[in-house]
Amino acid sequence: MAAMFFVVTMALYFAATVSYLAYLLRPSEALSKVSLGMTAIGFTSHTIALVARMVGATDVSPPGFQEALSFVSWMLILVFLVVEYRHRLHVLGSFIVPLALVSLVSAAALPETVPTLTPMFHTLWVHITLSMLGTVGFAIAFVAGLMYLIQDGLLKSKRFNVLYSKLPALDFLDHLNQQSIVTGFPLLTLGIITGALSAEFSRGSYLNWNPEQTWAVVTWIFYFVVLMGRLTVGWRAKRAAYLTIIGFAGVILTLIGVVLKSHGPVS
């Protein structure tokens, strides 16, 4: 049953993605309502699929990378629906729903033989959950930064088109960018700490500096610098937007490293 609902979810997210991208370029507000409806139904289907997968599990081992990516996709849609409910920010769906679709399709594309995450992840469920939640926070910061740069470019070029009218004010996007980093960074920090503790319990070493662990630490340092720059030095606007986009690339590289590691021998 879970597999069927995952297929339905991907179909709905794909349809919502096409609809939201069309909404970016057309003045019709009806498209936003149709897109939101498909996203909400897809989210419901996604939730049922995740619950069915959990209920049908035969053991309590930590989720594999497929489940982790699916959880990231689910959380992205949840955050979007919450922001949409509070701020009626329809255009946010044009950026978050495609990102959630990519995450879910990536999960589906992984072969069924991919094992659960490597032994350092087996001890603590909380490590995986915190790390994925941190990833969601940085993904929202990435989206806010991307939207900021687009809106800033439209303002400077004086192209007051349909897209300009739908994007929120620069101050709002800057605030969303900062809040997402402030939320994501502590979650990533706790994820790294619990992962190191898990490694100590299972291997007798907190870190062995393999590529994915090294990238995780580099990403943590990068976001620490960005966060301190925002909170103490006063980095704002375009600089912060560029940095969060670069930082999210580091997050993606870390996730890719974990996937590649899962195909190789355990070190």
Protein backbone atom coordinates (compact mmCIF):
# COMPACT_ATOMS: atom_id res chain seq x y z
CA MET A 1 0.00 0.00 0.00
CA ALA A 2 2.83 2.40 0.83
CA ALA A 3 4.33 2.03 -2.66
CA MET A 4 1.01 2.90 -4.28
CA PHE A 5 0.62 6.06 -2.20
CA PHE A 6 4.21 7.09 -2.97
CA VAL A 7 3.45 6.84 -6.70
CA VAL A 8 0.29 8.90 -6.24
CA THR A 9 2.27 11.45 -4.23
CA MET A 10 4.92 11.83 -6.94
CA ALA A 11 2.25 12.27 -9.59
CA LEU A 12 0.51 14.99 -7.56
CA TYR A 13 3.76 16.78 -6.71
CA PHE A 14 4.72 16.68 -10.39
CA ALA A 15 1.36 18.13 -11.45
CA ALA A 16 1.61 20.77 -8.72
CA THR A 17 5.15 21.65 -9.84
CA VAL A 18 4.01 22.22 -13.44
CA SER A 19 1.05 24.27 -12.22
CA TYR A 20 3.15 26.38 -9.84
CA LEU A 21 5.76 27.10 -12.52
CA ALA A 22 2.96 28.21 -14.85
CA TYR A 23 1.65 30.40 -12.03
CA LEU A 24 4.98 32.24 -11.96
CA LEU A 25 4.49 33.50 -15.49
CA ARG A 26 0.73 34.01 -15.66
CA PRO A 27 -1.43 36.60 -13.87
CA SER A 28 -4.15 34.05 -13.03
CA GLU A 29 -4.56 33.51 -9.29
CA ALA A 30 -6.75 30.49 -9.97
CA LEU A 31 -3.59 28.54 -10.77
CA SER A 32 -2.32 29.10 -7.24
CA LYS A 33 -5.49 27.58 -5.78
CA VAL A 34 -5.32 24.57 -8.08
CA SER A 35 -1.61 24.13 -7.30
CA LEU A 36 -2.19 24.41 -3.57
CA GLY A 37 -5.02 21.88 -3.74
CA MET A 38 -2.86 19.33 -5.55
CA THR A 39 -0.01 19.95 -3.11
CA ALA A 40 -2.26 19.46 -0.09
CA ILE A 41 -3.73 16.23 -1.50
CA GLY A 42 -0.20 15.07 -2.34
CA PHE A 43 0.94 15.85 1.19
CA THR A 44 -1.95 13.79 2.58
CA SER A 45 -1.02 10.89 0.31
CA HIS A 46 2.64 11.28 1.31
CA THR A 47 1.71 11.19 4.99
CA ILE A 48 -0.32 8.00 4.50
CA ALA A 49 2.60 6.44 2.61
CA LEU A 50 5.06 7.26 5.40
CA VAL A 51 2.73 5.95 8.10
CA ALA A 52 2.05 2.79 6.10
CA ARG A 53 5.79 2.27 5.66
CA MET A 54 6.35 2.65 9.41
CA VAL A 55 3.47 0.34 10.33
CA GLY A 56 4.64 -2.26 7.82
CA ALA A 57 8.26 -2.22 9.05
CA THR A 58 9.36 -5.54 10.51
CA ASP A 59 12.11 -4.09 12.73
CA VAL A 60 13.10 -0.87 14.45
CA SER A 61 16.35 -0.22 12.58
CA PRO A 62 17.01 3.35 11.45
CA PRO A 63 15.58 4.35 8.07
CA GLY A 64 17.61 3.98 4.91
CA PHE A 65 18.58 6.89 2.71
CA GLN A 66 15.40 6.45 0.66
CA GLU A 67 13.28 7.08 3.73
CA ALA A 68 15.48 10.01 4.78
CA LEU A 69 15.04 11.75 1.41
CA SER A 70 11.32 11.08 1.48
CA PHE A 71 11.15 12.61 4.96
CA VAL A 72 12.98 15.72 3.70
CA SER A 73 10.44 16.04 0.90
CA TRP A 74 7.55 15.64 3.36
CA MET A 75 9.00 18.26 5.72
CA LEU A 76 9.53 20.75 2.89
CA ILE A 77 5.87 20.51 1.93
CA LEU A 78 4.82 20.78 5.57
CA VAL A 79 6.85 23.97 6.03
CA PHE A 80 5.39 25.39 2.82
CA LEU A 81 1.82 24.64 3.90
CA VAL A 82 2.42 26.28 7.28
CA VAL A 83 3.93 29.41 5.70
CA GLU A 84 1.15 29.47 3.10
CA TYR A 85 -1.48 29.29 5.85
CA ARG A 86 0.13 32.08 7.87
CA HIS A 87 1.25 34.46 5.13
CA ARG A 88 -0.69 33.44 1.99
CA LEU A 89 2.62 33.35 0.14
CA HIS A 90 1.48 31.41 -2.94
CA VAL A 91 4.66 31.96 -4.93
CA LEU A 92 6.73 30.04 -2.36
CA GLY A 93 5.18 26.86 -3.74
CA SER A 94 6.79 27.55 -7.11
CA PHE A 95 10.18 27.04 -5.48
CA ILE A 96 9.59 24.56 -2.65
CA VAL A 97 7.29 22.06 -4.38
CA PRO A 98 9.81 21.41 -7.22
CA LEU A 99 12.53 20.95 -4.60
CA ALA A 100 10.36 18.48 -2.70
CA LEU A 101 9.62 16.64 -5.95
CA VAL A 102 13.33 16.31 -6.74
CA SER A 103 13.96 14.92 -3.25
CA LEU A 104 11.15 12.38 -3.55
CA VAL A 105 12.11 11.31 -7.07
CA SER A 106 15.72 10.92 -5.93
CA ALA A 107 14.52 8.63 -3.15
CA ALA A 108 12.49 6.57 -5.62
CA ALA A 109 15.43 6.38 -8.03
CA LEU A 110 17.69 4.70 -5.49
CA PRO A 111 17.78 0.92 -5.95
CA GLU A 112 15.90 -1.23 -3.47
CA THR A 113 19.18 -2.89 -2.51
CA VAL A 114 20.59 0.29 -0.97
CA PRO A 115 21.28 -0.64 2.66
CA THR A 116 20.37 1.42 5.66
CA LEU A 117 22.81 4.16 6.53
CA THR A 118 26.29 3.02 7.55
CA PRO A 119 26.96 1.64 11.07
CA MET A 120 27.76 5.00 12.62
CA PHE A 121 24.09 5.85 12.01
CA HIS A 122 22.61 2.66 13.43
CA THR A 123 22.70 3.58 17.10
CA LEU A 124 20.62 6.73 17.19
CA TRP A 125 17.43 7.49 15.30
CA VAL A 126 17.67 11.03 16.62
CA HIS A 127 20.85 11.68 14.59
CA ILE A 128 19.08 11.02 11.29
CA THR A 129 16.00 13.03 12.26
CA LEU A 130 17.99 16.06 13.43
CA SER A 131 20.28 16.00 10.39
CA MET A 132 17.34 15.86 7.98
CA LEU A 133 15.52 18.65 9.82
CA GLY A 134 18.66 20.77 9.59
CA THR A 135 18.78 20.04 5.87
CA VAL A 136 15.18 21.25 5.52
CA GLY A 137 16.09 24.49 7.31
CA PHE A 138 18.97 25.13 4.92
CA ALA A 139 16.76 24.25 1.94
CA ILE A 140 14.27 26.94 2.98
CA ALA A 141 17.15 29.40 3.43
CA PHE A 142 18.33 28.48 -0.08
CA VAL A 143 14.86 29.11 -1.53
CA ALA A 144 14.57 32.44 0.31
CA GLY A 145 18.01 33.48 -0.94
CA LEU A 146 17.18 32.51 -4.51
CA MET A 147 13.90 34.43 -4.40
CA TYR A 148 15.72 37.43 -2.92
CA LEU A 149 18.25 37.54 -5.74
CA ILE A 150 15.53 37.24 -8.38
CA GLN A 151 13.47 40.03 -6.82
CA ASP A 152 16.52 42.22 -6.31
CA GLY A 153 17.48 41.74 -9.96
CA LEU A 154 13.99 42.66 -11.13
CA LEU A 155 14.01 45.80 -9.00
CA LYS A 156 17.40 46.96 -10.22
CA SER A 157 16.50 46.35 -13.85
CA LYS A 158 13.07 47.96 -13.31
CA ARG A 159 11.28 44.98 -14.80
CA PHE A 160 8.00 45.18 -12.93
CA ASN A 161 6.45 42.12 -14.53
CA VAL A 162 4.14 39.34 -13.30
CA LEU A 163 6.94 37.61 -11.41
CA TYR A 164 7.90 40.82 -9.62
CA SER A 165 4.31 41.34 -8.44
CA LYS A 166 4.15 37.83 -6.99
CA LEU A 167 7.48 37.72 -5.17
CA PRO A 168 7.37 39.05 -1.58
CA ALA A 169 9.22 42.11 -0.34
CA LEU A 170 13.00 41.90 0.03
CA ASP A 171 12.78 42.50 3.79
CA PHE A 172 10.48 39.50 4.21
CA LEU A 173 12.76 37.26 2.17
CA ASP A 174 15.80 38.43 4.11
CA HIS A 175 13.99 37.66 7.38
CA LEU A 176 12.91 34.22 6.12
CA ASN A 177 16.49 33.51 5.08
CA GLN A 178 17.85 34.39 8.51
CA GLN A 179 15.17 32.51 10.46
CA SER A 180 15.74 29.40 8.38
CA ILE A 181 19.47 29.45 9.15
CA VAL A 182 18.83 30.16 12.84
CA THR A 183 16.53 27.12 12.90
CA GLY A 184 18.60 24.80 10.72
CA PHE A 185 22.02 25.40 12.27
CA PRO A 186 21.24 24.13 15.81
CA LEU A 187 19.53 21.09 14.30
CA LEU A 188 22.58 20.31 12.17
CA THR A 189 24.81 20.85 15.20
CA LEU A 190 22.81 18.39 17.29
CA GLY A 191 22.76 15.98 14.35
CA ILE A 192 26.56 16.04 14.10
CA ILE A 193 26.95 15.62 17.87
CA THR A 194 24.57 12.65 18.06
CA GLY A 195 26.19 11.15 14.96
CA ALA A 196 29.62 11.42 16.59
CA LEU A 197 28.27 9.77 19.75
CA SER A 198 26.74 7.03 17.63
CA ALA A 199 30.10 6.47 15.93
CA GLU A 200 31.83 6.28 19.30
CA PHE A 201 29.37 3.66 20.53
CA SER A 202 29.59 1.51 17.41
CA ARG A 203 33.21 2.03 16.31
CA GLY A 204 35.07 3.47 19.25
CA SER A 205 35.88 6.69 17.38
CA TYR A 206 33.93 9.93 17.18
CA LEU A 207 35.18 10.77 13.68
CA ASN A 208 37.21 8.94 11.08
CA TRP A 209 37.27 11.88 8.63
CA ASN A 210 35.83 10.07 5.65
CA PRO A 211 34.59 12.34 2.83
CA GLU A 212 30.97 12.68 3.98
CA GLN A 213 31.98 13.43 7.58
CA THR A 214 34.54 15.96 6.38
CA TRP A 215 31.92 17.67 4.19
CA ALA A 216 29.49 17.72 7.11
CA VAL A 217 32.05 19.50 9.30
CA VAL A 218 32.98 21.92 6.50
CA THR A 219 29.27 22.68 5.97
CA TRP A 220 28.81 23.25 9.71
CA ILE A 221 31.76 25.68 9.80
CA PHE A 222 30.44 27.51 6.74
CA TYR A 223 26.97 28.01 8.20
CA PHE A 224 28.49 28.97 11.56
CA VAL A 225 30.39 31.78 9.83
CA VAL A 226 27.25 32.85 7.95
CA LEU A 227 25.16 32.79 11.13
CA MET A 228 27.72 34.76 13.12
CA GLY A 229 28.02 37.21 10.25
CA ARG A 230 24.26 37.75 10.27
CA LEU A 231 23.87 38.02 14.04
CA THR A 232 27.00 39.99 14.94
CA VAL A 233 28.49 41.70 11.89
CA GLY A 234 25.11 42.45 10.36
CA TRP A 235 25.42 40.62 7.05
CA ARG A 236 22.19 41.12 5.18
CA ALA A 237 20.52 40.99 1.85
CA LYS A 238 22.50 39.94 -1.21
CA ARG A 239 25.62 38.69 0.58
CA ALA A 240 23.59 36.43 2.86
CA ALA A 241 21.55 35.18 -0.11
CA TYR A 242 24.65 34.21 -2.09
CA LEU A 243 26.24 32.53 0.92
CA THR A 244 23.20 30.41 1.74
CA ILE A 245 22.98 29.24 -1.87
CA ILE A 246 26.66 28.23 -1.75
CA GLY A 247 26.14 26.58 1.63
CA PHE A 248 23.24 24.51 0.37
CA ALA A 249 25.52 23.17 -2.37
CA GLY A 250 27.72 21.86 0.46
CA VAL A 251 24.70 20.18 2.04
CA ILE A 252 23.89 18.45 -1.26
CA LEU A 253 27.50 17.27 -1.61
CA THR A 254 27.34 15.82 1.89
CA LEU A 255 24.14 13.93 1.06
CA ILE A 256 25.68 12.62 -2.16
CA GLY A 257 28.70 11.45 -0.14
CA VAL A 258 26.42 9.48 2.18
CA VAL A 259 24.68 7.83 -0.80
CA LEU A 260 28.00 6.87 -2.40
CA LYS A 261 29.25 5.57 0.94
CA SER A 262 26.20 3.35 1.28
CA HIS A 263 27.19 1.56 -1.95
CA GLY A 264 30.74 0.91 -0.86
CA PRO A 265 32.34 -1.17 1.87
CA VAL A 266 31.99 -0.02 5.44
CA SER A 267 35.09 1.71 6.70
